[in-house]
Amino acid sequence: MAELDWARLRELAEELGFWPATTDPEDIERHRRINKALDAAPDLDKVAKRFAHLHRKAKRTGESEH
């Protein structure tokens, strides 16, 4: 069984926002790509503003929201 590199794990936890299960470079790179994509994704406020006109239109016509 390999010895854990606690300093490296702490470093990665600070960077990634969670403690990774492994320090394998391929896994860490995948986590970085996923975090980058999530950071670039629109948040709920932006999505709500983008589609607010549909919600207002449905309320005027009496359509169900669901």
C-alpha atoms as a PDB file:
ATOM      1  CA  MET A   1       0.000   0.000   0.000  1.00  0.00           C
ATOM      2  CA  ALA A   2       1.392   3.377  -0.980  1.00  0.00           C
ATOM      3  CA  GLU A   3       2.026   6.049   1.608  1.00  0.00           C
ATOM      4  CA  LEU A   4      -0.313   9.051   1.410  1.00  0.00           C
ATOM      5  CA  ASP A   5       1.232  12.408   0.539  1.00  0.00           C
ATOM      6  CA  TRP A   6      -0.754  14.535   2.972  1.00  0.00           C
ATOM      7  CA  ALA A   7       0.856  17.796   1.891  1.00  0.00           C
ATOM      8  CA  ARG A   8      -0.120  17.115  -1.737  1.00  0.00           C
ATOM      9  CA  LEU A   9      -3.655  16.136  -0.732  1.00  0.00           C
ATOM     10  CA  ARG A  10      -4.065  19.368   1.274  1.00  0.00           C
ATOM     11  CA  GLU A  11      -2.757  21.360  -1.692  1.00  0.00           C
ATOM     12  CA  LEU A  12      -5.218  19.676  -4.050  1.00  0.00           C
ATOM     13  CA  ALA A  13      -8.085  20.087  -1.600  1.00  0.00           C
ATOM     14  CA  GLU A  14      -7.464  23.823  -1.489  1.00  0.00           C
ATOM     15  CA  GLU A  15      -7.291  24.036  -5.291  1.00  0.00           C
ATOM     16  CA  LEU A  16     -10.225  21.757  -6.125  1.00  0.00           C
ATOM     17  CA  GLY A  17     -12.522  22.531  -3.204  1.00  0.00           C
ATOM     18  CA  PHE A  18     -12.664  18.909  -2.026  1.00  0.00           C
ATOM     19  CA  TRP A  19     -10.316  16.119  -1.005  1.00  0.00           C
ATOM     20  CA  PRO A  20      -9.638  13.965  -4.079  1.00  0.00           C
ATOM     21  CA  ALA A  21      -9.644  10.210  -3.621  1.00  0.00           C
ATOM     22  CA  THR A  22      -6.377   9.885  -5.516  1.00  0.00           C
ATOM     23  CA  THR A  23      -3.407  11.983  -6.569  1.00  0.00           C
ATOM     24  CA  ASP A  24      -3.191  10.263  -9.952  1.00  0.00           C
ATOM     25  CA  PRO A  25      -2.324  13.006 -12.496  1.00  0.00           C
ATOM     26  CA  GLU A  26      -5.036  11.864 -14.943  1.00  0.00           C
ATOM     27  CA  ASP A  27      -7.710  12.049 -12.236  1.00  0.00           C
ATOM     28  CA  ILE A  28      -6.537  15.452 -11.052  1.00  0.00           C
ATOM     29  CA  GLU A  29      -6.564  16.806 -14.605  1.00  0.00           C
ATOM     30  CA  ARG A  30     -10.127  15.505 -15.058  1.00  0.00           C
ATOM     31  CA  HIS A  31     -11.184  17.267 -11.832  1.00  0.00           C
ATOM     32  CA  ARG A  32      -9.590  20.500 -13.082  1.00  0.00           C
ATOM     33  CA  ARG A  33     -11.436  20.264 -16.406  1.00  0.00           C
ATOM     34  CA  ILE A  34     -14.757  19.623 -14.663  1.00  0.00           C
ATOM     35  CA  ASN A  35     -14.227  22.535 -12.249  1.00  0.00           C
ATOM     36  CA  LYS A  36     -13.323  24.833 -15.142  1.00  0.00           C
ATOM     37  CA  ALA A  37     -16.487  23.835 -17.025  1.00  0.00           C
ATOM     38  CA  LEU A  38     -18.642  24.378 -13.930  1.00  0.00           C
ATOM     39  CA  ASP A  39     -17.104  27.805 -13.366  1.00  0.00           C
ATOM     40  CA  ALA A  40     -17.940  28.761 -16.961  1.00  0.00           C
ATOM     41  CA  ALA A  41     -21.544  27.489 -16.776  1.00  0.00           C
ATOM     42  CA  PRO A  42     -24.262  30.113 -16.256  1.00  0.00           C
ATOM     43  CA  ASP A  43     -25.646  30.384 -12.756  1.00  0.00           C
ATOM     44  CA  LEU A  44     -29.348  30.126 -11.940  1.00  0.00           C
ATOM     45  CA  ASP A  45     -29.829  33.906 -11.872  1.00  0.00           C
ATOM     46  CA  LYS A  46     -28.581  34.262 -15.446  1.00  0.00           C
ATOM     47  CA  VAL A  47     -30.799  31.419 -16.628  1.00  0.00           C
ATOM     48  CA  ALA A  48     -33.831  32.867 -14.817  1.00  0.00           C
ATOM     49  CA  LYS A  49     -33.284  36.290 -16.402  1.00  0.00           C
ATOM     50  CA  ARG A  50     -32.874  34.741 -19.823  1.00  0.00           C
ATOM     51  CA  PHE A  51     -36.190  32.895 -19.654  1.00  0.00           C
ATOM     52  CA  ALA A  52     -38.180  35.345 -17.507  1.00  0.00           C
ATOM     53  CA  HIS A  53     -40.205  36.473 -20.533  1.00  0.00           C
ATOM     54  CA  LEU A  54     -41.610  32.950 -20.918  1.00  0.00           C
ATOM     55  CA  HIS A  55     -42.685  32.890 -17.292  1.00  0.00           C
ATOM     56  CA  ARG A  56     -44.407  36.277 -17.617  1.00  0.00           C
ATOM     57  CA  LYS A  57     -46.145  35.189 -20.832  1.00  0.00           C
ATOM     58  CA  ALA A  58     -47.435  31.991 -19.209  1.00  0.00           C
ATOM     59  CA  LYS A  59     -48.806  33.962 -16.244  1.00  0.00           C
ATOM     60  CA  ARG A  60     -50.672  36.348 -18.571  1.00  0.00           C
ATOM     61  CA  THR A  61     -52.290  33.533 -20.541  1.00  0.00           C
ATOM     62  CA  GLY A  62     -53.085  31.486 -17.445  1.00  0.00           C
ATOM     63  CA  GLU A  63     -50.928  28.533 -18.509  1.00  0.00           C
ATOM     64  CA  SER A  64     -49.542  26.242 -15.873  1.00  0.00           C
ATOM     65  CA  GLU A  65     -45.932  26.781 -14.850  1.00  0.00           C
ATOM     66  CA  HIS A  66     -45.284  23.052 -14.759  1.00  0.00           C
END
